Amino acid sequence: MNLRVPSLAILFCAGLAVLAQKIEITPNPVLIDQTAALRVTGLQPNAAVTVQADLVDGAGHGWKSEAQFTADAEGTVNPATQAPVKGSYRSVSAMGLIWSMRSPDRDVHVYVPPRELVSQIIHFHLLQDGREIATGQLVQAVIADGVRRVDLKGDLHGALFLPASEGKHPGILVLGGSEGGAPMARAAWLASHGYAALALAYFHYEGLPDMLRDIPLEYFGEALAWMAQRPEIDGRRLGVMGTSRGGELALQLGSIYPEIHAVAAYVPANVRYPSCCGRPFGAAWTLRGEPLAWALPQLHRDPAAMMRAMIAVENTRGPILMIGAESDGVWPSAEMVRAAADRLRQQHFAYPVVVLIYPHAGHRAGMPAIIPAWHNGFPHPLTGRPMDLGGTPEGNAASTLDAIPRVLDFLSQSLGGAAPPAPAAAQ
């Protein structure tokens, strides 16, 4: 009898050790641009374990990752300070299990964000010797709790996203690229950080042209005037943000509308490109009823034609931030960002200029969401033509993690600050 008591005690303690093994995730939920700390605790020192992660994207496709770790002397695994022994990624990265995900489905080429701005759930599994011993989950919210959406009616198309806090807020006009439609997720992100953000559609949207051709720039002036009249927006603190063709457009609008006091352009062109996305080529933009000169830098080597198509960025009445990608597969954004920055220096531009060039990132450089960064060649959403965005998953993820705080700091410095982000909504 006496011999059995210690044996039962040993089994009891071993059972407690198993129960104590857990995955801790803090904070939780988080906004989709924020880092969460994942820790595994209760392991034996130097134990070998595997952490797996999975999610289902907005198109219903599964994404997975895994990483093998060796626990430290306290029996803890912390991806923010420890590199995996092997797995889907190899560097020290708190969110590596998310950005390194890939889809096992052969017909999946790119991650699709959650539909209707709903939250995304990432499931984690802790395995030892092939057996699952703990689980956890992280909720990533696309929009903060309390953010309000106002759908536009009439001549303007899209939606205004307003922060949860009361009072007047800095306003940002948000523009998408050659995919068309309204950049709802980008505007929701900005509103979650205290900005009144107008996701404005300008083609491929109900009531608008199907193609990016002969778009009057006066339309965007009307949007700025509408924003300035809104009681929730401080009309003296207006900015514009755009990506790809929207980045080109953001630089163009900043050069002609003095009410714009900050420009943030992701992977932009420094010249006006032609219409998109059908031939024959024509003007993408018009002003006062006249087509604006355009050029294809890859084909047009005529200096006079290039000069006519160049955007006069030096006329902007406020700071400019530009993000370029050295491995951009769509167009040479790094080269064009540098050219725009050189022009600003030559013209003795009076406002701050922030240039962020990412060496291993592609056309999605700096995007404000910590999501699976892998992609493969996939069809353009309008033309169906194959696209290669460029960049590596590691490079794209590094650009995102670096750019998010830099862009938010730029906006805060340029537009007089914004309210701190509201808590993430758990949906």
Protein backbone atom coordinates (compact mmCIF):
# COMPACT_ATOMS: atom_id res chain seq x y z
CA MET A 1 0.00 0.00 0.00
CA ASN A 2 2.73 2.41 0.91
CA LEU A 3 4.48 1.64 -2.33
CA ARG A 4 1.46 2.67 -4.40
CA VAL A 5 1.00 6.15 -2.96
CA PRO A 6 4.17 7.63 -4.50
CA SER A 7 3.29 6.02 -7.82
CA LEU A 8 -0.17 7.61 -7.82
CA ALA A 9 1.37 10.92 -6.83
CA ILE A 10 3.79 10.72 -9.75
CA LEU A 11 0.94 10.01 -12.17
CA PHE A 12 -1.11 12.85 -10.67
CA CYS A 13 1.76 15.32 -11.05
CA ALA A 14 2.40 14.14 -14.60
CA GLY A 15 -1.25 14.78 -15.39
CA LEU A 16 -0.96 18.31 -14.03
CA ALA A 17 2.08 18.88 -16.21
CA VAL A 18 0.12 17.89 -19.28
CA LEU A 19 -2.79 20.12 -18.30
CA ALA A 20 -0.43 23.02 -17.70
CA GLN A 21 0.85 23.01 -21.27
CA LYS A 22 -0.96 25.79 -23.06
CA ILE A 23 -0.86 28.37 -25.82
CA GLU A 24 -1.15 31.96 -24.56
CA ILE A 25 -2.06 34.74 -27.02
CA THR A 26 -2.14 38.38 -25.92
CA PRO A 27 -3.77 40.70 -26.67
CA ASN A 28 -6.73 38.92 -28.18
CA PRO A 29 -8.59 40.04 -30.24
CA VAL A 30 -6.33 42.42 -32.19
CA LEU A 31 -6.76 44.62 -35.22
CA ILE A 32 -5.47 42.91 -38.34
CA ASP A 33 -2.49 45.31 -38.48
CA GLN A 34 -1.40 44.65 -34.89
CA THR A 35 1.02 42.09 -33.49
CA ALA A 36 -0.09 39.55 -30.90
CA ALA A 37 2.33 37.72 -28.62
CA LEU A 38 2.06 33.94 -28.81
CA ARG A 39 3.74 31.92 -26.06
CA VAL A 40 3.73 28.22 -25.30
CA THR A 41 4.22 27.47 -21.60
CA GLY A 42 4.33 24.44 -19.31
CA LEU A 43 6.77 22.40 -21.40
CA GLN A 44 9.76 20.46 -20.17
CA PRO A 45 13.05 22.35 -20.70
CA ASN A 46 14.48 21.74 -24.19
CA ALA A 47 11.34 19.89 -25.28
CA ALA A 48 10.82 19.61 -29.04
CA VAL A 49 7.35 20.76 -30.12
CA THR A 50 5.52 21.82 -33.27
CA VAL A 51 3.08 24.71 -33.52
CA GLN A 52 0.64 24.61 -36.40
CA ALA A 53 -1.67 27.42 -37.55
CA ASP A 54 -4.60 27.47 -39.95
CA LEU A 55 -7.32 29.80 -41.19
CA VAL A 56 -10.05 29.95 -43.82
CA ASP A 57 -9.89 33.06 -46.03
CA GLY A 58 -12.67 35.14 -47.52
CA ALA A 59 -12.97 32.83 -50.52
CA GLY A 60 -13.35 29.74 -48.32
CA HIS A 61 -9.80 28.49 -48.98
CA GLY A 62 -7.74 26.94 -46.22
CA TRP A 63 -4.28 28.23 -45.32
CA LYS A 64 -1.75 26.46 -43.09
CA SER A 65 1.69 26.86 -41.55
CA GLU A 66 3.83 25.08 -38.99
CA ALA A 67 7.08 25.61 -37.14
CA GLN A 68 9.16 23.35 -34.92
CA PHE A 69 10.69 24.85 -31.78
CA THR A 70 12.89 23.81 -28.89
CA ALA A 71 11.62 25.02 -25.52
CA ASP A 72 13.96 27.17 -23.43
CA ALA A 73 15.21 26.40 -19.92
CA GLU A 74 11.87 27.51 -18.42
CA GLY A 75 9.88 25.26 -20.74
CA THR A 76 8.63 28.16 -22.88
CA VAL A 77 8.44 28.81 -26.62
CA ASN A 78 8.22 32.44 -27.72
CA PRO A 79 8.32 33.09 -31.50
CA ALA A 80 9.01 36.80 -30.81
CA THR A 81 12.44 35.84 -29.46
CA GLN A 82 13.07 32.35 -30.85
CA ALA A 83 13.58 31.23 -34.43
CA PRO A 84 12.06 27.90 -35.44
CA VAL A 85 14.32 24.91 -35.88
CA LYS A 86 12.50 24.33 -39.15
CA GLY A 87 9.11 24.91 -40.68
CA SER A 88 7.19 27.38 -42.85
CA TYR A 89 9.55 30.21 -41.90
CA ARG A 90 13.03 30.36 -40.35
CA SER A 91 13.45 33.80 -38.76
CA VAL A 92 12.51 35.30 -35.41
CA SER A 93 9.00 36.65 -35.98
CA ALA A 94 6.12 37.04 -33.53
CA MET A 95 3.62 36.69 -36.39
CA GLY A 96 5.60 34.29 -38.56
CA LEU A 97 3.03 31.55 -38.27
CA ILE A 98 0.51 33.89 -39.91
CA TRP A 99 2.42 35.57 -42.71
CA SER A 100 4.16 32.31 -43.73
CA MET A 101 0.90 30.42 -44.35
CA ARG A 102 0.28 28.76 -47.70
CA SER A 103 -2.77 27.10 -49.12
CA PRO A 104 -2.57 23.36 -49.81
CA ASP A 105 -5.04 23.80 -52.67
CA ARG A 106 -3.30 23.92 -56.05
CA ASP A 107 -5.82 26.29 -57.59
CA VAL A 108 -5.32 28.97 -54.91
CA HIS A 109 -2.99 31.78 -55.98
CA VAL A 110 -3.49 34.53 -53.41
CA TYR A 111 -5.04 35.07 -50.00
CA VAL A 112 -8.51 36.67 -50.09
CA PRO A 113 -9.42 38.97 -47.15
CA PRO A 114 -12.55 38.35 -45.06
CA ARG A 115 -15.80 39.33 -46.76
CA GLU A 116 -17.87 42.22 -45.45
CA LEU A 117 -15.09 43.29 -43.08
CA VAL A 118 -15.82 40.45 -40.65
CA SER A 119 -13.17 39.21 -38.23
CA GLN A 120 -10.82 36.37 -39.06
CA ILE A 121 -10.03 33.48 -36.71
CA ILE A 122 -6.64 31.79 -36.70
CA HIS A 123 -6.43 28.41 -34.97
CA PHE A 124 -3.21 27.21 -33.33
CA HIS A 125 -2.33 23.63 -32.42
CA LEU A 126 0.54 22.49 -30.17
CA LEU A 127 1.91 19.04 -31.00
CA GLN A 128 4.46 16.89 -29.24
CA ASP A 129 5.49 13.49 -30.57
CA GLY A 130 2.72 13.81 -33.13
CA ARG A 131 0.01 14.29 -30.49
CA GLU A 132 -1.99 17.48 -29.99
CA ILE A 133 -1.57 18.68 -26.41
CA ALA A 134 -2.97 22.24 -26.53
CA THR A 135 -4.89 24.61 -28.78
CA GLY A 136 -5.56 28.33 -29.00
CA GLN A 137 -7.05 30.86 -31.35
CA LEU A 138 -6.49 34.48 -32.32
CA VAL A 139 -9.23 36.79 -33.55
CA GLN A 140 -8.02 39.37 -36.09
CA ALA A 141 -10.52 42.20 -36.51
CA VAL A 142 -10.59 44.07 -39.80
CA ILE A 143 -12.42 47.01 -38.22
CA ALA A 144 -12.38 48.39 -34.67
CA ASP A 145 -15.40 48.30 -32.41
CA GLY A 146 -17.59 51.37 -32.83
CA VAL A 147 -16.39 52.42 -36.29
CA ARG A 148 -19.37 53.68 -38.31
CA ARG A 149 -20.00 53.25 -42.02
CA VAL A 150 -21.93 55.73 -44.17
CA ASP A 151 -22.69 54.48 -47.68
CA LEU A 152 -22.63 57.21 -50.31
CA LYS A 153 -25.60 58.09 -52.47
CA GLY A 154 -25.75 60.41 -55.43
CA ASP A 155 -22.80 61.59 -57.51
CA LEU A 156 -20.12 60.07 -55.26
CA HIS A 157 -19.65 56.31 -54.93
CA GLY A 158 -18.23 54.32 -52.04
CA ALA A 159 -18.45 54.59 -48.27
CA LEU A 160 -17.26 56.88 -45.49
CA PHE A 161 -15.83 55.21 -42.37
CA LEU A 162 -15.97 57.25 -39.18
CA PRO A 163 -14.02 56.61 -35.95
CA ALA A 164 -15.81 55.56 -32.81
CA SER A 165 -14.79 58.74 -31.00
CA GLU A 166 -16.80 61.96 -31.21
CA GLY A 167 -15.67 65.31 -32.60
CA LYS A 168 -13.95 66.38 -35.81
CA HIS A 169 -11.31 64.06 -37.23
CA PRO A 170 -8.64 64.36 -39.89
CA GLY A 171 -10.04 63.15 -43.20
CA ILE A 172 -8.35 60.85 -45.72
CA LEU A 173 -9.53 60.17 -49.26
CA VAL A 174 -8.69 56.50 -49.98
CA LEU A 175 -8.19 55.25 -53.56
CA GLY A 176 -7.78 51.76 -54.98
CA GLY A 177 -5.90 50.62 -58.05
CA SER A 178 -6.60 48.90 -61.37
CA GLU A 179 -8.93 46.38 -59.73
CA GLY A 180 -11.54 49.12 -59.43
CA GLY A 181 -14.24 49.27 -56.79
CA ALA A 182 -13.97 50.97 -53.42
CA PRO A 183 -11.06 50.18 -51.03
CA MET A 184 -13.30 49.46 -48.03
CA ALA A 185 -10.75 47.53 -45.96
CA ARG A 186 -8.11 50.27 -46.25
CA ALA A 187 -10.62 52.93 -45.19
CA ALA A 188 -11.82 50.75 -42.29
CA TRP A 189 -8.19 50.42 -41.16
CA LEU A 190 -7.70 54.18 -41.12
CA ALA A 191 -11.00 54.76 -39.30
CA SER A 192 -9.91 52.21 -36.71
CA HIS A 193 -6.93 54.49 -36.04
CA GLY A 194 -8.94 57.69 -35.68
CA TYR A 195 -9.28 59.02 -39.24
CA ALA A 196 -12.46 59.75 -41.16
CA ALA A 197 -11.70 57.75 -44.29
CA LEU A 198 -13.64 57.92 -47.55
CA ALA A 199 -13.28 54.76 -49.66
CA LEU A 200 -14.03 56.32 -53.05
CA ALA A 201 -14.75 54.23 -56.13
CA TYR A 202 -13.97 55.80 -59.50
CA PHE A 203 -14.52 52.90 -61.92
CA HIS A 204 -15.75 49.28 -62.03
CA TYR A 205 -18.49 50.07 -59.53
CA GLU A 206 -22.23 50.48 -59.83
CA GLY A 207 -23.03 53.72 -61.63
CA LEU A 208 -19.43 54.24 -62.82
CA PRO A 209 -17.43 53.35 -65.97
CA ASP A 210 -16.21 49.77 -66.27
CA MET A 211 -12.68 50.78 -67.27
CA LEU A 212 -10.07 53.20 -65.99
CA ARG A 213 -10.34 55.59 -68.93
CA ASP A 214 -11.02 59.34 -69.14
CA ILE A 215 -11.75 59.67 -65.43
CA PRO A 216 -12.30 63.38 -64.64
CA LEU A 217 -10.11 64.58 -61.79
CA GLU A 218 -12.88 67.03 -60.86
CA TYR A 219 -14.75 64.02 -59.44
CA PHE A 220 -12.12 63.75 -56.71
CA GLY A 221 -12.30 67.47 -56.07
CA GLU A 222 -16.03 67.04 -55.43
CA ALA A 223 -15.22 64.27 -52.97
CA LEU A 224 -12.77 66.50 -51.11
CA ALA A 225 -15.33 69.31 -50.94
CA TRP A 226 -17.96 66.86 -49.65
CA MET A 227 -15.57 65.64 -46.96
CA ALA A 228 -14.76 69.18 -45.84
CA GLN A 229 -18.47 69.84 -45.26
CA ARG A 230 -19.05 66.78 -43.11
CA PRO A 231 -19.52 67.67 -39.41
CA GLU A 232 -17.26 64.74 -38.39
CA ILE A 233 -14.32 65.94 -40.51
CA ASP A 234 -11.90 68.80 -39.99
CA GLY A 235 -11.68 70.26 -43.50
CA ARG A 236 -8.33 71.85 -42.68
CA ARG A 237 -6.77 68.41 -42.20
CA LEU A 238 -7.36 66.44 -45.37
CA GLY A 239 -5.05 63.83 -46.88
CA VAL A 240 -5.13 61.29 -49.69
CA MET A 241 -3.93 57.68 -49.78
CA GLY A 242 -3.72 55.44 -52.82
CA THR A 243 -2.20 52.16 -53.97
CA SER A 244 -0.77 51.27 -57.40
CA ARG A 245 -2.84 53.25 -59.95
CA GLY A 246 -4.43 54.82 -56.89
CA GLY A 247 -0.94 55.80 -55.74
CA GLU A 248 -0.32 57.48 -59.08
CA LEU A 249 -3.68 59.20 -58.66
CA ALA A 250 -2.88 60.27 -55.08
CA LEU A 251 0.31 61.99 -56.26
CA GLN A 252 -1.61 63.63 -59.11
CA LEU A 253 -4.38 64.91 -56.82
CA GLY A 254 -1.88 66.23 -54.30
CA SER A 255 -0.27 68.25 -57.08
CA ILE A 256 -3.50 70.03 -58.12
CA TYR A 257 -5.71 70.33 -55.01
CA PRO A 258 -4.26 72.69 -52.37
CA GLU A 259 -6.72 71.44 -49.73
CA ILE A 260 -4.76 68.16 -49.62
CA HIS A 261 -2.17 68.48 -46.85
CA ALA A 262 -0.68 64.96 -46.86
CA VAL A 263 -0.16 62.31 -49.54
CA ALA A 264 0.57 58.61 -48.89
CA ALA A 265 1.27 56.66 -52.09
CA TYR A 266 1.86 52.90 -52.05
CA VAL A 267 3.86 51.51 -55.02
CA PRO A 268 2.91 54.50 -57.23
CA ALA A 269 4.01 55.68 -60.64
CA ASN A 270 5.61 59.10 -60.92
CA VAL A 271 4.14 59.54 -64.41
CA ARG A 272 0.61 59.25 -65.68
CA TYR A 273 0.13 55.80 -67.17
CA PRO A 274 -2.43 55.18 -69.92
CA SER A 275 -5.95 53.85 -69.54
CA CYS A 276 -6.56 50.40 -68.14
CA CYS A 277 -7.24 47.70 -68.91
CA GLY A 278 -8.04 47.44 -72.60
CA ARG A 279 -6.58 48.60 -75.90
CA PRO A 280 -6.14 50.87 -77.70
CA PHE A 281 -4.50 52.91 -74.99
CA GLY A 282 -5.88 56.33 -74.16
CA ALA A 283 -5.79 58.80 -71.31
CA ALA A 284 -6.61 57.54 -67.85
CA TRP A 285 -7.37 61.02 -66.49
CA THR A 286 -8.92 64.23 -67.73
CA LEU A 287 -8.88 67.76 -66.30
CA ARG A 288 -11.27 70.51 -67.41
CA GLY A 289 -12.49 68.18 -70.13
CA GLU A 290 -9.06 67.62 -71.64
CA PRO A 291 -7.13 64.31 -71.56
CA LEU A 292 -3.91 64.48 -69.56
CA ALA A 293 -0.71 63.36 -71.27
CA TRP A 294 0.40 59.82 -70.50
CA ALA A 295 3.36 57.57 -71.19
CA LEU A 296 4.59 54.02 -70.72
CA PRO A 297 8.10 54.39 -69.27
CA GLN A 298 8.97 50.83 -70.30
CA LEU A 299 8.27 51.67 -73.96
CA HIS A 300 8.41 55.44 -74.41
CA ARG A 301 11.98 56.70 -74.44
CA ASP A 302 11.11 60.11 -75.86
CA PRO A 303 12.20 62.58 -73.13
CA ALA A 304 9.62 65.14 -74.24
CA ALA A 305 6.78 62.60 -73.96
CA MET A 306 8.00 61.55 -70.54
CA MET A 307 8.18 65.15 -69.36
CA ARG A 308 4.60 65.81 -70.49
CA ALA A 309 3.39 62.77 -68.54
CA MET A 310 5.39 63.50 -65.39
CA ILE A 311 3.39 64.33 -62.26
CA ALA A 312 4.32 67.73 -60.80
CA VAL A 313 4.67 66.38 -57.25
CA GLU A 314 6.46 69.57 -56.17
CA ASN A 315 3.13 71.45 -56.27
CA THR A 316 1.80 69.46 -53.32
CA ARG A 317 0.94 71.57 -50.24
CA GLY A 318 2.04 69.12 -47.58
CA PRO A 319 4.25 66.13 -46.69
CA ILE A 320 4.52 63.14 -49.02
CA LEU A 321 5.14 59.49 -48.15
CA MET A 322 5.95 57.01 -50.93
CA ILE A 323 6.46 53.25 -50.68
CA GLY A 324 8.41 51.43 -53.38
CA ALA A 325 9.27 47.77 -53.90
CA GLU A 326 12.52 46.57 -55.48
CA SER A 327 10.93 43.26 -56.54
CA ASP A 328 7.68 44.75 -57.86
CA GLY A 329 6.37 42.47 -60.59
CA VAL A 330 3.77 44.94 -61.92
CA TRP A 331 5.86 48.04 -62.58
CA PRO A 332 9.19 49.48 -61.33
CA SER A 333 7.74 51.22 -58.28
CA ALA A 334 11.08 51.59 -56.47
CA GLU A 335 12.62 53.31 -59.48
CA MET A 336 9.64 55.61 -59.92
CA VAL A 337 9.48 56.51 -56.22
CA ARG A 338 13.16 57.45 -56.31
CA ALA A 339 12.55 59.56 -59.42
CA ALA A 340 9.72 61.42 -57.71
CA ALA A 341 11.88 61.99 -54.63
CA ASP A 342 14.72 63.29 -56.83
CA ARG A 343 12.34 65.73 -58.49
CA LEU A 344 11.20 67.00 -55.09
CA ARG A 345 14.81 67.57 -54.02
CA GLN A 346 15.65 69.35 -57.25
CA GLN A 347 12.62 71.62 -56.80
CA HIS A 348 13.57 72.35 -53.16
CA PHE A 349 10.27 70.97 -51.90
CA ALA A 350 9.37 72.70 -48.63
CA TYR A 351 7.64 69.80 -46.85
CA PRO A 352 8.86 66.52 -45.38
CA VAL A 353 9.29 63.59 -47.76
CA VAL A 354 9.33 60.01 -46.48
CA VAL A 355 10.59 57.34 -48.88
CA LEU A 356 10.31 53.67 -47.93
CA ILE A 357 11.97 51.24 -50.36
CA TYR A 358 11.71 47.53 -49.57
CA PRO A 359 14.29 45.27 -51.27
CA HIS A 360 12.47 41.91 -51.33
CA ALA A 361 8.87 43.11 -51.48
CA GLY A 362 6.53 43.12 -54.45
CA HIS A 363 3.48 45.11 -55.50
CA ARG A 364 1.80 44.47 -52.13
CA ALA A 365 4.61 46.20 -50.25
CA GLY A 366 3.65 47.79 -46.95
CA MET A 367 0.01 46.70 -46.98
CA PRO A 368 -1.50 47.31 -43.52
CA ALA A 369 -2.60 43.77 -42.65
CA ILE A 370 -0.70 40.85 -41.11
CA ILE A 371 -2.00 38.09 -43.33
CA PRO A 372 -0.57 35.26 -45.48
CA ALA A 373 2.05 36.92 -47.67
CA TRP A 374 2.57 34.13 -50.21
CA HIS A 375 1.05 34.47 -53.66
CA ASN A 376 1.49 32.94 -57.08
CA GLY A 377 0.67 34.12 -60.56
CA PHE A 378 -3.04 34.83 -60.74
CA PRO A 379 -5.44 36.52 -63.17
CA HIS A 380 -6.05 40.26 -63.04
CA PRO A 381 -9.54 40.78 -61.55
CA LEU A 382 -10.74 42.74 -64.60
CA THR A 383 -8.80 41.47 -67.61
CA GLY A 384 -8.06 37.90 -66.59
CA ARG A 385 -4.46 38.34 -67.75
CA PRO A 386 -1.85 36.57 -65.57
CA MET A 387 -0.21 38.81 -62.97
CA ASP A 388 2.99 38.38 -61.00
CA LEU A 389 3.02 40.80 -58.08
CA GLY A 390 6.62 39.94 -57.22
CA GLY A 391 8.42 39.78 -53.91
CA THR A 392 8.98 36.93 -51.47
CA PRO A 393 6.69 36.08 -48.54
CA GLU A 394 9.45 37.12 -46.15
CA GLY A 395 10.05 40.37 -48.03
CA ASN A 396 6.38 41.24 -48.29
CA ALA A 397 5.81 40.48 -44.60
CA ALA A 398 8.86 42.50 -43.54
CA SER A 399 7.61 45.49 -45.53
CA THR A 400 4.19 45.26 -43.88
CA LEU A 401 5.57 45.05 -40.35
CA ASP A 402 7.94 47.95 -40.97
CA ALA A 403 5.53 50.20 -42.87
CA ILE A 404 2.46 50.03 -40.62
CA PRO A 405 3.85 52.13 -37.74
CA ARG A 406 5.74 54.42 -40.13
CA VAL A 407 2.64 55.25 -42.16
CA LEU A 408 0.55 55.85 -39.04
CA ASP A 409 3.27 58.10 -37.62
CA PHE A 410 3.47 60.00 -40.92
CA LEU A 411 -0.28 60.61 -40.92
CA SER A 412 -0.25 61.68 -37.30
CA GLN A 413 2.62 64.12 -37.86
CA SER A 414 1.17 65.47 -41.11
CA LEU A 415 -2.49 65.84 -40.20
CA GLY A 416 -2.18 66.86 -36.58
CA GLY A 417 -2.72 63.49 -34.98
CA ALA A 418 -5.71 61.24 -34.52
CA ALA A 419 -7.41 59.48 -31.65
CA PRO A 420 -5.83 56.24 -30.46
CA PRO A 421 -7.30 53.11 -32.05
CA ALA A 422 -10.46 51.73 -30.52
CA PRO A 423 -10.43 48.16 -29.17
CA ALA A 424 -10.72 45.50 -31.79
CA ALA A 425 -14.16 44.06 -32.34
CA ALA A 426 -14.56 40.34 -31.71
CA GLN A 427 -17.06 39.18 -34.33
